[in-house]
Amino acid sequence: MQGMVDLIERTENLEDEEVQSLQEFAADLTDGSEPTPHGLPSGPGISPARERKLEIEAQRDIELLEEARVVAGPEDAGQNGEGDRE
């Protein structure tokens, strides 16, 4: 039972982090003023450092979701393969 509580808390924290990450992503798309190593504007888009950070976060999210599926087990999966959330 405690394992499920921990998993729910981690999922909620992950959702908060995902919202923050999406807000930062949107800011990156609209800003585009981050300087390159040469001091020139990089133009619209995501800086390479931010892109790498997003890749790392996405990989962590995938690992947590896979772990959640293992903990939940097939009996907790809905028709679409996702666990029911109350």
PDB file of N, CA and C in Angstrom:
ATOM      1  N   MET A   1       0.827  -1.198   0.000  1.00  0.00           N
ATOM      2  CA  MET A   1       0.000   0.000   0.000  1.00  0.00           C
ATOM      3  C   MET A   1       0.871   1.261   0.000  1.00  0.00           C
ATOM      4  N   GLN A   2       1.925   1.275   0.806  1.00  0.00           N
ATOM      5  CA  GLN A   2       2.809   2.438   0.853  1.00  0.00           C
ATOM      6  C   GLN A   2       3.475   2.656  -0.499  1.00  0.00           C
ATOM      7  N   GLY A   3       3.768   1.558  -1.207  1.00  0.00           N
ATOM      8  CA  GLY A   3       4.370   1.673  -2.535  1.00  0.00           C
ATOM      9  C   GLY A   3       3.470   2.427  -3.495  1.00  0.00           C
ATOM     10  N   MET A   4       2.171   2.172  -3.419  1.00  0.00           N
ATOM     11  CA  MET A   4       1.225   2.875  -4.291  1.00  0.00           C
ATOM     12  C   MET A   4       1.142   4.352  -3.914  1.00  0.00           C
ATOM     13  N   VAL A   5       1.174   4.658  -2.616  1.00  0.00           N
ATOM     14  CA  VAL A   5       1.141   6.049  -2.168  1.00  0.00           C
ATOM     15  C   VAL A   5       2.378   6.784  -2.673  1.00  0.00           C
ATOM     16  N   ASP A   6       3.538   6.146  -2.546  1.00  0.00           N
ATOM     17  CA  ASP A   6       4.776   6.753  -3.043  1.00  0.00           C
ATOM     18  C   ASP A   6       4.706   6.983  -4.544  1.00  0.00           C
ATOM     19  N   LEU A   7       4.166   6.009  -5.265  1.00  0.00           N
ATOM     20  CA  LEU A   7       4.049   6.123  -6.715  1.00  0.00           C
ATOM     21  C   LEU A   7       3.120   7.267  -7.101  1.00  0.00           C
ATOM     22  N   ILE A   8       2.017   7.409  -6.402  1.00  0.00           N
ATOM     23  CA  ILE A   8       1.079   8.503  -6.681  1.00  0.00           C
ATOM     24  C   ILE A   8       1.743   9.850  -6.416  1.00  0.00           C
ATOM     25  N   GLU A   9       2.467   9.961  -5.310  1.00  0.00           N
ATOM     26  CA  GLU A   9       3.153  11.219  -4.996  1.00  0.00           C
ATOM     27  C   GLU A   9       4.199  11.551  -6.046  1.00  0.00           C
ATOM     28  N   ARG A  10       4.956  10.540  -6.486  1.00  0.00           N
ATOM     29  CA  ARG A  10       5.961  10.790  -7.526  1.00  0.00           C
ATOM     30  C   ARG A  10       5.299  11.198  -8.837  1.00  0.00           C
ATOM     31  N   THR A  11       4.164  10.592  -9.154  1.00  0.00           N
ATOM     32  CA  THR A  11       3.449  10.941 -10.382  1.00  0.00           C
ATOM     33  C   THR A  11       2.955  12.376 -10.316  1.00  0.00           C
ATOM     34  N   GLU A  12       2.417  12.790  -9.178  1.00  0.00           N
ATOM     35  CA  GLU A  12       1.955  14.171  -9.031  1.00  0.00           C
ATOM     36  C   GLU A  12       3.120  15.146  -9.154  1.00  0.00           C
ATOM     37  N   ASN A  13       4.254  14.818  -8.547  1.00  0.00           N
ATOM     38  CA  ASN A  13       5.442  15.668  -8.673  1.00  0.00           C
ATOM     39  C   ASN A  13       5.896  15.731 -10.120  1.00  0.00           C
ATOM     40  N   LEU A  14       5.827  14.595 -10.802  1.00  0.00           N
ATOM     41  CA  LEU A  14       6.213  14.544 -12.207  1.00  0.00           C
ATOM     42  C   LEU A  14       5.302  15.433 -13.043  1.00  0.00           C
ATOM     43  N   GLU A  15       4.000  15.423 -12.745  1.00  0.00           N
ATOM     44  CA  GLU A  15       3.063  16.270 -13.478  1.00  0.00           C
ATOM     45  C   GLU A  15       3.395  17.745 -13.271  1.00  0.00           C
ATOM     46  N   ASP A  16       3.739  18.136 -12.042  1.00  0.00           N
ATOM     47  CA  ASP A  16       4.127  19.522 -11.770  1.00  0.00           C
ATOM     48  C   ASP A  16       5.380  19.893 -12.556  1.00  0.00           C
ATOM     49  N   GLU A  17       6.351  18.974 -12.571  1.00  0.00           N
ATOM     50  CA  GLU A  17       7.586  19.224 -13.318  1.00  0.00           C
ATOM     51  C   GLU A  17       7.309  19.317 -14.814  1.00  0.00           C
ATOM     52  N   GLU A  18       6.367  18.502 -15.299  1.00  0.00           N
ATOM     53  CA  GLU A  18       6.035  18.519 -16.722  1.00  0.00           C
ATOM     54  C   GLU A  18       5.410  19.853 -17.112  1.00  0.00           C
ATOM     55  N   VAL A  19       4.534  20.388 -16.267  1.00  0.00           N
ATOM     56  CA  VAL A  19       3.932  21.695 -16.534  1.00  0.00           C
ATOM     57  C   VAL A  19       5.018  22.761 -16.591  1.00  0.00           C
ATOM     58  N   GLN A  20       5.928  22.733 -15.634  1.00  0.00           N
ATOM     59  CA  GLN A  20       7.019  23.708 -15.616  1.00  0.00           C
ATOM     60  C   GLN A  20       7.891  23.554 -16.863  1.00  0.00           C
ATOM     61  N   SER A  21       8.178  22.323 -17.233  1.00  0.00           N
ATOM     62  CA  SER A  21       9.002  22.077 -18.414  1.00  0.00           C
ATOM     63  C   SER A  21       8.320  22.599 -19.677  1.00  0.00           C
ATOM     64  N   LEU A  22       7.018  22.395 -19.790  1.00  0.00           N
ATOM     65  CA  LEU A  22       6.286  22.895 -20.958  1.00  0.00           C
ATOM     66  C   LEU A  22       6.267  24.419 -20.990  1.00  0.00           C
ATOM     67  N   GLN A  23       6.165  25.040 -19.825  1.00  0.00           N
ATOM     68  CA  GLN A  23       6.206  26.501 -19.776  1.00  0.00           C
ATOM     69  C   GLN A  23       7.573  27.011 -20.223  1.00  0.00           C
ATOM     70  N   GLU A  24       8.633  26.347 -19.782  1.00  0.00           N
ATOM     71  CA  GLU A  24       9.978  26.736 -20.200  1.00  0.00           C
ATOM     72  C   GLU A  24      10.162  26.504 -21.698  1.00  0.00           C
ATOM     73  N   PHE A  25       9.613  25.401 -22.198  1.00  0.00           N
ATOM     74  CA  PHE A  25       9.695  25.092 -23.621  1.00  0.00           C
ATOM     75  C   PHE A  25       9.008  26.180 -24.439  1.00  0.00           C
ATOM     76  N   ALA A  26       7.823  26.594 -24.009  1.00  0.00           N
ATOM     77  CA  ALA A  26       7.102  27.656 -24.711  1.00  0.00           C
ATOM     78  C   ALA A  26       7.893  28.960 -24.678  1.00  0.00           C
ATOM     79  N   ALA A  27       8.519  29.242 -23.551  1.00  0.00           N
ATOM     80  CA  ALA A  27       9.329  30.460 -23.447  1.00  0.00           C
ATOM     81  C   ALA A  27      10.517  30.394 -24.405  1.00  0.00           C
ATOM     82  N   ASP A  28      11.122  29.219 -24.532  1.00  0.00           N
ATOM     83  CA  ASP A  28      12.239  29.055 -25.464  1.00  0.00           C
ATOM     84  C   ASP A  28      11.798  29.301 -26.901  1.00  0.00           C
ATOM     85  N   LEU A  29      10.621  28.837 -27.245  1.00  0.00           N
ATOM     86  CA  LEU A  29      10.144  29.003 -28.617  1.00  0.00           C
ATOM     87  C   LEU A  29       9.843  30.456 -28.947  1.00  0.00           C
ATOM     88  N   THR A  30       9.397  31.211 -27.973  1.00  0.00           N
ATOM     89  CA  THR A  30       9.018  32.596 -28.240  1.00  0.00           C
ATOM     90  C   THR A  30      10.159  33.573 -28.015  1.00  0.00           C
ATOM     91  N   ASP A  31      11.174  33.172 -27.265  1.00  0.00           N
ATOM     92  CA  ASP A  31      12.267  34.084 -26.937  1.00  0.00           C
ATOM     93  C   ASP A  31      13.292  34.136 -28.064  1.00  0.00           C
ATOM     94  N   GLY A  32      14.052  33.076 -28.199  1.00  0.00           N
ATOM     95  CA  GLY A  32      15.036  32.985 -29.262  1.00  0.00           C
ATOM     96  C   GLY A  32      16.187  33.961 -29.147  1.00  0.00           C
ATOM     97  N   SER A  33      16.405  34.560 -27.994  1.00  0.00           N
ATOM     98  CA  SER A  33      17.454  35.569 -27.871  1.00  0.00           C
ATOM     99  C   SER A  33      18.687  35.060 -27.129  1.00  0.00           C
ATOM    100  N   GLU A  34      18.765  33.763 -26.891  1.00  0.00           N
ATOM    101  CA  GLU A  34      19.928  33.232 -26.184  1.00  0.00           C
ATOM    102  C   GLU A  34      21.156  33.356 -27.083  1.00  0.00           C
ATOM    103  N   PRO A  35      22.250  33.885 -26.568  1.00  0.00           N
ATOM    104  CA  PRO A  35      23.439  34.054 -27.406  1.00  0.00           C
ATOM    105  C   PRO A  35      24.148  32.730 -27.672  1.00  0.00           C
ATOM    106  N   THR A  36      24.787  32.650 -28.810  1.00  0.00           N
ATOM    107  CA  THR A  36      25.624  31.500 -29.145  1.00  0.00           C
ATOM    108  C   THR A  36      27.006  31.743 -28.543  1.00  0.00           C
ATOM    109  N   PRO A  37      27.923  30.776 -28.641  1.00  0.00           N
ATOM    110  CA  PRO A  37      29.280  31.019 -28.126  1.00  0.00           C
ATOM    111  C   PRO A  37      29.955  32.224 -28.783  1.00  0.00           C
ATOM    112  N   HIS A  38      29.518  32.603 -29.985  1.00  0.00           N
ATOM    113  CA  HIS A  38      30.104  33.748 -30.679  1.00  0.00           C
ATOM    114  C   HIS A  38      29.425  35.057 -30.300  1.00  0.00           C
ATOM    115  N   GLY A  39      28.408  34.977 -29.437  1.00  0.00           N
ATOM    116  CA  GLY A  39      27.715  36.182 -29.015  1.00  0.00           C
ATOM    117  C   GLY A  39      26.589  36.609 -29.932  1.00  0.00           C
ATOM    118  N   LEU A  40      26.334  35.844 -30.988  1.00  0.00           N
ATOM    119  CA  LEU A  40      25.250  36.178 -31.909  1.00  0.00           C
ATOM    120  C   LEU A  40      23.957  35.554 -31.418  1.00  0.00           C
ATOM    121  N   PRO A  41      22.822  36.167 -31.704  1.00  0.00           N
ATOM    122  CA  PRO A  41      21.556  35.556 -31.303  1.00  0.00           C
ATOM    123  C   PRO A  41      21.377  34.206 -31.992  1.00  0.00           C
ATOM    124  N   SER A  42      20.791  33.275 -31.283  1.00  0.00           N
ATOM    125  CA  SER A  42      20.608  31.935 -31.836  1.00  0.00           C
ATOM    126  C   SER A  42      19.364  31.845 -32.704  1.00  0.00           C
ATOM    127  N   GLY A  43      18.530  32.863 -32.694  1.00  0.00           N
ATOM    128  CA  GLY A  43      17.290  32.808 -33.469  1.00  0.00           C
ATOM    129  C   GLY A  43      16.235  32.018 -32.731  1.00  0.00           C
ATOM    130  N   PRO A  44      15.069  31.888 -33.340  1.00  0.00           N
ATOM    131  CA  PRO A  44      13.984  31.170 -32.668  1.00  0.00           C
ATOM    132  C   PRO A  44      14.339  29.696 -32.469  1.00  0.00           C
ATOM    133  N   GLY A  45      13.881  29.158 -31.396  1.00  0.00           N
ATOM    134  CA  GLY A  45      14.114  27.743 -31.138  1.00  0.00           C
ATOM    135  C   GLY A  45      14.680  27.499 -29.762  1.00  0.00           C
ATOM    136  N   ILE A  46      15.098  26.274 -29.561  1.00  0.00           N
ATOM    137  CA  ILE A  46      15.578  25.825 -28.261  1.00  0.00           C
ATOM    138  C   ILE A  46      17.099  25.758 -28.293  1.00  0.00           C
ATOM    139  N   SER A  47      17.715  26.213 -27.239  1.00  0.00           N
ATOM    140  CA  SER A  47      19.173  26.134 -27.158  1.00  0.00           C
ATOM    141  C   SER A  47      19.583  24.664 -27.041  1.00  0.00           C
ATOM    142  N   PRO A  48      20.781  24.311 -27.501  1.00  0.00           N
ATOM    143  CA  PRO A  48      21.240  22.919 -27.394  1.00  0.00           C
ATOM    144  C   PRO A  48      21.242  22.404 -25.952  1.00  0.00           C
ATOM    145  N   ALA A  49      21.599  23.258 -25.005  1.00  0.00           N
ATOM    146  CA  ALA A  49      21.606  22.830 -23.601  1.00  0.00           C
ATOM    147  C   ALA A  49      20.190  22.525 -23.125  1.00  0.00           C
ATOM    148  N   ARG A  50      19.243  23.371 -23.500  1.00  0.00           N
ATOM    149  CA  ARG A  50      17.840  23.153 -23.112  1.00  0.00           C
ATOM    150  C   ARG A  50      17.289  21.898 -23.789  1.00  0.00           C
ATOM    151  N   GLU A  51      17.651  21.691 -25.045  1.00  0.00           N
ATOM    152  CA  GLU A  51      17.197  20.504 -25.766  1.00  0.00           C
ATOM    153  C   GLU A  51      17.704  19.239 -25.073  1.00  0.00           C
ATOM    154  N   ARG A  52      18.959  19.237 -24.658  1.00  0.00           N
ATOM    155  CA  ARG A  52      19.523  18.079 -23.958  1.00  0.00           C
ATOM    156  C   ARG A  52      18.812  17.856 -22.626  1.00  0.00           C
ATOM    157  N   LYS A  53      18.516  18.945 -21.911  1.00  0.00           N
ATOM    158  CA  LYS A  53      17.801  18.825 -20.636  1.00  0.00           C
ATOM    159  C   LYS A  53      16.428  18.201 -20.861  1.00  0.00           C
ATOM    160  N   LEU A  54      15.736  18.621 -21.917  1.00  0.00           N
ATOM    161  CA  LEU A  54      14.425  18.057 -22.227  1.00  0.00           C
ATOM    162  C   LEU A  54      14.528  16.574 -22.570  1.00  0.00           C
ATOM    163  N   GLU A  55      15.575  16.181 -23.293  1.00  0.00           N
ATOM    164  CA  GLU A  55      15.775  14.772 -23.620  1.00  0.00           C
ATOM    165  C   GLU A  55      15.982  13.941 -22.357  1.00  0.00           C
ATOM    166  N   ILE A  56      16.769  14.456 -21.425  1.00  0.00           N
ATOM    167  CA  ILE A  56      17.018  13.747 -20.166  1.00  0.00           C
ATOM    168  C   ILE A  56      15.723  13.625 -19.370  1.00  0.00           C
ATOM    169  N   GLU A  57      14.942  14.713 -19.294  1.00  0.00           N
ATOM    170  CA  GLU A  57      13.669  14.676 -18.575  1.00  0.00           C
ATOM    171  C   GLU A  57      12.705  13.695 -19.223  1.00  0.00           C
ATOM    172  N   ALA A  58      12.663  13.663 -20.546  1.00  0.00           N
ATOM    173  CA  ALA A  58      11.769  12.742 -21.249  1.00  0.00           C
ATOM    174  C   ALA A  58      12.159  11.295 -20.959  1.00  0.00           C
ATOM    175  N   GLN A  59      13.442  11.002 -20.960  1.00  0.00           N
ATOM    176  CA  GLN A  59      13.896   9.647 -20.665  1.00  0.00           C
ATOM    177  C   GLN A  59      13.530   9.259 -19.238  1.00  0.00           C
ATOM    178  N   ARG A  60      13.679  10.185 -18.293  1.00  0.00           N
ATOM    179  CA  ARG A  60      13.307   9.913 -16.901  1.00  0.00           C
ATOM    180  C   ARG A  60      11.808   9.656 -16.792  1.00  0.00           C
ATOM    181  N   ASP A  61      11.012  10.447 -17.519  1.00  0.00           N
ATOM    182  CA  ASP A  61       9.564  10.259 -17.513  1.00  0.00           C
ATOM    183  C   ASP A  61       9.193   8.877 -18.040  1.00  0.00           C
ATOM    184  N   ILE A  62       9.843   8.460 -19.118  1.00  0.00           N
ATOM    185  CA  ILE A  62       9.574   7.141 -19.692  1.00  0.00           C
ATOM    186  C   ILE A  62       9.902   6.049 -18.682  1.00  0.00           C
ATOM    187  N   GLU A  63      11.038   6.176 -18.005  1.00  0.00           N
ATOM    188  CA  GLU A  63      11.435   5.176 -17.015  1.00  0.00           C
ATOM    189  C   GLU A  63      10.440   5.120 -15.861  1.00  0.00           C
ATOM    190  N   LEU A  64       9.957   6.272 -15.400  1.00  0.00           N
ATOM    191  CA  LEU A  64       8.975   6.290 -14.312  1.00  0.00           C
ATOM    192  C   LEU A  64       7.655   5.666 -14.751  1.00  0.00           C
ATOM    193  N   LEU A  65       7.237   5.943 -15.979  1.00  0.00           N
ATOM    194  CA  LEU A  65       6.001   5.345 -16.480  1.00  0.00           C
ATOM    195  C   LEU A  65       6.131   3.833 -16.602  1.00  0.00           C
ATOM    196  N   GLU A  66       7.269   3.357 -17.074  1.00  0.00           N
ATOM    197  CA  GLU A  66       7.492   1.912 -17.155  1.00  0.00           C
ATOM    198  C   GLU A  66       7.476   1.289 -15.766  1.00  0.00           C
ATOM    199  N   GLU A  67       8.086   1.963 -14.802  1.00  0.00           N
ATOM    200  CA  GLU A  67       8.090   1.473 -13.425  1.00  0.00           C
ATOM    201  C   GLU A  67       6.669   1.440 -12.868  1.00  0.00           C
ATOM    202  N   ALA A  68       5.889   2.463 -13.176  1.00  0.00           N
ATOM    203  CA  ALA A  68       4.505   2.516 -12.700  1.00  0.00           C
ATOM    204  C   ALA A  68       3.689   1.367 -13.276  1.00  0.00           C
ATOM    205  N   ARG A  69       3.926   1.032 -14.526  1.00  0.00           N
ATOM    206  CA  ARG A  69       3.199  -0.088 -15.140  1.00  0.00           C
ATOM    207  C   ARG A  69       3.552  -1.401 -14.462  1.00  0.00           C
ATOM    208  N   VAL A  70       4.815  -1.573 -14.100  1.00  0.00           N
ATOM    209  CA  VAL A  70       5.245  -2.795 -13.428  1.00  0.00           C
ATOM    210  C   VAL A  70       4.619  -2.874 -12.045  1.00  0.00           C
ATOM    211  N   VAL A  71       4.624  -1.767 -11.306  1.00  0.00           N
ATOM    212  CA  VAL A  71       4.058  -1.742  -9.959  1.00  0.00           C
ATOM    213  C   VAL A  71       2.554  -1.961 -10.006  1.00  0.00           C
ATOM    214  N   ALA A  72       1.870  -1.304 -10.963  1.00  0.00           N
ATOM    215  CA  ALA A  72       0.416  -1.404 -11.056  1.00  0.00           C
ATOM    216  C   ALA A  72      -0.005  -2.802 -11.477  1.00  0.00           C
ATOM    217  N   GLY A  73       0.727  -3.416 -12.379  1.00  0.00           N
ATOM    218  CA  GLY A  73       0.389  -4.752 -12.848  1.00  0.00           C
ATOM    219  C   GLY A  73      -0.760  -4.722 -13.836  1.00  0.00           C
ATOM    220  N   PRO A  74      -0.966  -5.815 -14.554  1.00  0.00           N
ATOM    221  CA  PRO A  74      -1.988  -5.853 -15.601  1.00  0.00           C
ATOM    222  C   PRO A  74      -3.416  -5.733 -15.073  1.00  0.00           C
ATOM    223  N   GLU A  75      -3.659  -6.149 -13.838  1.00  0.00           N
ATOM    224  CA  GLU A  75      -5.025  -6.071 -13.303  1.00  0.00           C
ATOM    225  C   GLU A  75      -5.486  -4.638 -13.090  1.00  0.00           C
ATOM    226  N   ASP A  76      -4.542  -3.683 -12.977  1.00  0.00           N
ATOM    227  CA  ASP A  76      -4.894  -2.282 -12.782  1.00  0.00           C
ATOM    228  C   ASP A  76      -4.982  -1.504 -14.086  1.00  0.00           C
ATOM    229  N   ALA A  77      -4.643  -2.140 -15.189  1.00  0.00           N
ATOM    230  CA  ALA A  77      -4.633  -1.435 -16.475  1.00  0.00           C
ATOM    231  C   ALA A  77      -6.044  -1.330 -17.027  1.00  0.00           C
ATOM    232  N   GLY A  78      -6.356  -0.175 -17.609  1.00  0.00           N
ATOM    233  CA  GLY A  78      -7.646   0.020 -18.266  1.00  0.00           C
ATOM    234  C   GLY A  78      -7.616  -0.569 -19.661  1.00  0.00           C
ATOM    235  N   GLN A  79      -8.655  -0.326 -20.437  1.00  0.00           N
ATOM    236  CA  GLN A  79      -8.742  -0.867 -21.786  1.00  0.00           C
ATOM    237  C   GLN A  79      -7.650  -0.319 -22.684  1.00  0.00           C
ATOM    238  N   ASN A  80      -7.233   0.906 -22.458  1.00  0.00           N
ATOM    239  CA  ASN A  80      -6.214   1.518 -23.305  1.00  0.00           C
ATOM    240  C   ASN A  80      -4.810   1.284 -22.765  1.00  0.00           C
ATOM    241  N   GLY A  81      -4.667   0.429 -21.774  1.00  0.00           N
ATOM    242  CA  GLY A  81      -3.350   0.106 -21.251  1.00  0.00           C
ATOM    243  C   GLY A  81      -2.869   1.024 -20.149  1.00  0.00           C
ATOM    244  N   GLU A  82      -3.658   2.013 -19.787  1.00  0.00           N
ATOM    245  CA  GLU A  82      -3.265   2.935 -18.729  1.00  0.00           C
ATOM    246  C   GLU A  82      -4.027   2.583 -17.462  1.00  0.00           C
ATOM    247  N   GLY A  83      -3.403   2.817 -16.321  1.00  0.00           N
ATOM    248  CA  GLY A  83      -4.065   2.563 -15.050  1.00  0.00           C
ATOM    249  C   GLY A  83      -5.193   3.553 -14.808  1.00  0.00           C
ATOM    250  N   ASP A  84      -6.202   3.117 -14.107  1.00  0.00           N
ATOM    251  CA  ASP A  84      -7.310   4.015 -13.768  1.00  0.00           C
ATOM    252  C   ASP A  84      -6.855   4.984 -12.701  1.00  0.00           C
ATOM    253  N   ARG A  85      -7.211   6.245 -12.856  1.00  0.00           N
ATOM    254  CA  ARG A  85      -6.801   7.263 -11.887  1.00  0.00           C
ATOM    255  C   ARG A  85      -8.042   7.873 -11.264  1.00  0.00           C
ATOM    256  N   GLU A  86      -8.058   7.878  -9.959  1.00  0.00           N
ATOM    257  CA  GLU A  86      -9.220   8.434  -9.266  1.00  0.00           C
ATOM    258  C   GLU A  86      -8.962   9.838  -8.833  1.00  0.00           C
TER     259      GLU A  86
END
